[in-house]
Amino acid sequence: MSIQMVLLPVFIQIGLTFALLFAMASMRGRALSSGETKTGDIALRQPNWPVRATQVGNCFANQFELPVLFYVLIALALPLRHADLFIVLMSWVFVVTRFVHAGIFVTSNDVRPRSLAWFAGVLVLLAMWLYFALRILLAI
């Protein structure tokens, strides 16, 4: 697989993370400039942001949990030349689950479908890691 094909889902996932960062920063900035939130209320990372800013902020923070295992897998698979079609296809499926999860998180925030989207991503990532580990350990 070409490096571009392997890295494109990574770049899309990173794009999602930056989009959430900018949305969070905008919401927090508006909360501070409107006086809804005072700097003293959040200076030590107290959870005193408005609900909507907290919702988007939590979604942003979530992009540094499960996706880290995705980034590590790709970072290992590329130089070891184990980033094949399965890894690329599953990368896209994983990224789609992250978009679904984030979409639910920043809109309805309905925990049941959000959890299902998260768990689908977990299963996809687990399958990717098992596939990668078996290929490495069995030298195939």
Protein backbone atom coordinates (compact mmCIF):
# COMPACT_ATOMS: atom_id res chain seq x y z
CA MET A 1 0.00 0.00 0.00
CA SER A 2 1.19 3.50 -0.70
CA ILE A 3 2.08 5.75 2.19
CA GLN A 4 -0.63 8.17 1.08
CA MET A 5 -3.33 5.49 1.26
CA VAL A 6 -2.19 4.40 4.70
CA LEU A 7 -1.92 7.91 6.09
CA LEU A 8 -5.08 9.46 4.62
CA PRO A 9 -7.38 8.04 7.34
CA VAL A 10 -4.87 9.27 9.94
CA PHE A 11 -4.97 12.76 8.46
CA ILE A 12 -8.79 12.69 8.44
CA GLN A 13 -8.84 11.63 12.10
CA ILE A 14 -6.41 14.42 12.94
CA GLY A 15 -8.66 16.82 11.03
CA LEU A 16 -11.59 15.77 13.23
CA THR A 17 -9.48 16.44 16.31
CA PHE A 18 -8.52 19.93 15.12
CA ALA A 19 -12.13 20.73 14.16
CA LEU A 20 -13.23 19.84 17.68
CA LEU A 21 -10.36 21.87 19.14
CA PHE A 22 -11.38 24.97 17.19
CA ALA A 23 -15.06 24.49 18.09
CA MET A 24 -14.16 24.09 21.76
CA ALA A 25 -11.86 27.13 21.72
CA SER A 26 -14.54 29.23 20.06
CA MET A 27 -17.19 28.22 22.58
CA ARG A 28 -14.89 28.79 25.51
CA GLY A 29 -13.77 32.13 24.10
CA ARG A 30 -17.41 33.26 23.75
CA ALA A 31 -18.16 32.10 27.30
CA LEU A 32 -15.26 34.15 28.63
CA SER A 33 -15.93 37.26 26.54
CA SER A 34 -19.65 37.25 27.42
CA GLY A 35 -18.87 36.94 31.11
CA GLU A 36 -20.79 33.69 31.38
CA THR A 37 -17.55 32.13 32.65
CA LYS A 38 -14.88 33.97 34.65
CA THR A 39 -11.20 33.10 34.29
CA GLY A 40 -10.94 32.47 38.01
CA ASP A 41 -13.63 29.82 37.68
CA ILE A 42 -11.55 27.74 35.25
CA ALA A 43 -7.94 28.77 35.95
CA LEU A 44 -7.13 25.49 37.70
CA ARG A 45 -9.07 23.38 35.20
CA GLN A 46 -12.23 23.43 37.27
CA PRO A 47 -15.17 22.09 35.26
CA ASN A 48 -17.01 25.42 35.18
CA TRP A 49 -17.55 25.86 31.47
CA PRO A 50 -21.07 26.13 30.08
CA VAL A 51 -22.68 22.77 29.29
CA ARG A 52 -22.26 23.04 25.50
CA ALA A 53 -18.58 24.03 25.77
CA THR A 54 -18.04 21.13 28.20
CA GLN A 55 -19.76 18.74 25.80
CA VAL A 56 -17.50 19.71 22.88
CA GLY A 57 -14.46 19.85 25.18
CA ASN A 58 -15.12 16.32 26.39
CA CYS A 59 -15.49 15.12 22.80
CA PHE A 60 -12.15 16.79 21.97
CA ALA A 61 -10.47 15.16 24.98
CA ASN A 62 -11.88 11.81 23.88
CA GLN A 63 -9.82 12.08 20.68
CA PHE A 64 -6.74 11.48 22.82
CA GLU A 65 -7.98 8.23 24.28
CA LEU A 66 -8.86 5.42 21.86
CA PRO A 67 -7.35 7.08 18.75
CA VAL A 68 -3.91 6.99 20.38
CA LEU A 69 -3.89 3.21 19.91
CA PHE A 70 -4.80 3.78 16.25
CA TYR A 71 -1.92 6.21 15.76
CA VAL A 72 0.55 3.83 17.41
CA LEU A 73 -0.60 0.94 15.21
CA ILE A 74 -0.14 2.94 12.02
CA ALA A 75 3.20 4.30 13.24
CA LEU A 76 4.40 0.72 13.75
CA ALA A 77 2.78 -0.85 10.70
CA LEU A 78 4.23 1.62 8.20
CA PRO A 79 7.96 1.18 8.83
CA LEU A 80 7.53 -2.56 9.42
CA ARG A 81 5.77 -2.83 6.05
CA HIS A 82 2.64 -4.40 7.51
CA ALA A 83 0.22 -1.66 6.47
CA ASP A 84 -1.69 -3.71 3.92
CA LEU A 85 -5.17 -3.47 2.41
CA PHE A 86 -6.82 -4.90 5.55
CA ILE A 87 -5.16 -2.28 7.75
CA VAL A 88 -6.15 0.53 5.38
CA LEU A 89 -9.76 -0.61 5.06
CA MET A 90 -10.12 -1.10 8.79
CA SER A 91 -8.51 2.31 9.34
CA TRP A 92 -11.31 3.86 7.33
CA VAL A 93 -13.92 1.93 9.28
CA PHE A 94 -12.32 3.07 12.54
CA VAL A 95 -12.28 6.70 11.43
CA VAL A 96 -15.93 6.49 10.38
CA THR A 97 -16.82 5.18 13.84
CA ARG A 98 -14.95 8.12 15.36
CA PHE A 99 -16.91 10.59 13.22
CA VAL A 100 -20.19 8.92 14.18
CA HIS A 101 -19.18 8.95 17.84
CA ALA A 102 -18.14 12.61 17.69
CA GLY A 103 -21.26 13.57 15.76
CA ILE A 104 -23.49 12.05 18.41
CA PHE A 105 -21.32 13.49 21.19
CA VAL A 106 -21.60 17.11 19.99
CA THR A 107 -25.28 16.95 19.00
CA SER A 108 -27.80 14.84 20.92
CA ASN A 109 -25.17 13.31 23.20
CA ASP A 110 -27.49 10.33 23.53
CA VAL A 111 -25.28 7.93 25.51
CA ARG A 112 -26.68 4.69 24.07
CA PRO A 113 -25.90 5.29 20.37
CA ARG A 114 -22.73 7.15 21.32
CA SER A 115 -21.58 4.11 23.32
CA LEU A 116 -22.42 1.79 20.43
CA ALA A 117 -20.35 3.91 18.04
CA TRP A 118 -17.48 3.96 20.53
CA PHE A 119 -17.67 0.20 21.04
CA ALA A 120 -17.74 -0.41 17.28
CA GLY A 121 -14.50 1.57 17.06
CA VAL A 122 -13.04 -0.49 19.90
CA LEU A 123 -13.86 -3.74 18.10
CA VAL A 124 -12.41 -2.50 14.80
CA LEU A 125 -9.24 -1.34 16.51
CA LEU A 126 -8.95 -4.61 18.42
CA ALA A 127 -9.27 -6.55 15.15
CA MET A 128 -6.56 -4.37 13.61
CA TRP A 129 -4.22 -4.95 16.55
CA LEU A 130 -4.83 -8.70 16.59
CA TYR A 131 -4.25 -8.92 12.85
CA PHE A 132 -1.06 -6.84 13.12
CA ALA A 133 0.25 -8.80 16.13
CA LEU A 134 -0.40 -12.16 14.49
CA ARG A 135 1.35 -11.05 11.30
CA ILE A 136 4.37 -9.93 13.32
CA LEU A 137 4.48 -12.91 15.66
CA LEU A 138 3.88 -15.50 12.95
CA ALA A 139 6.19 -13.69 10.50
CA ILE A 140 3.58 -13.54 7.72
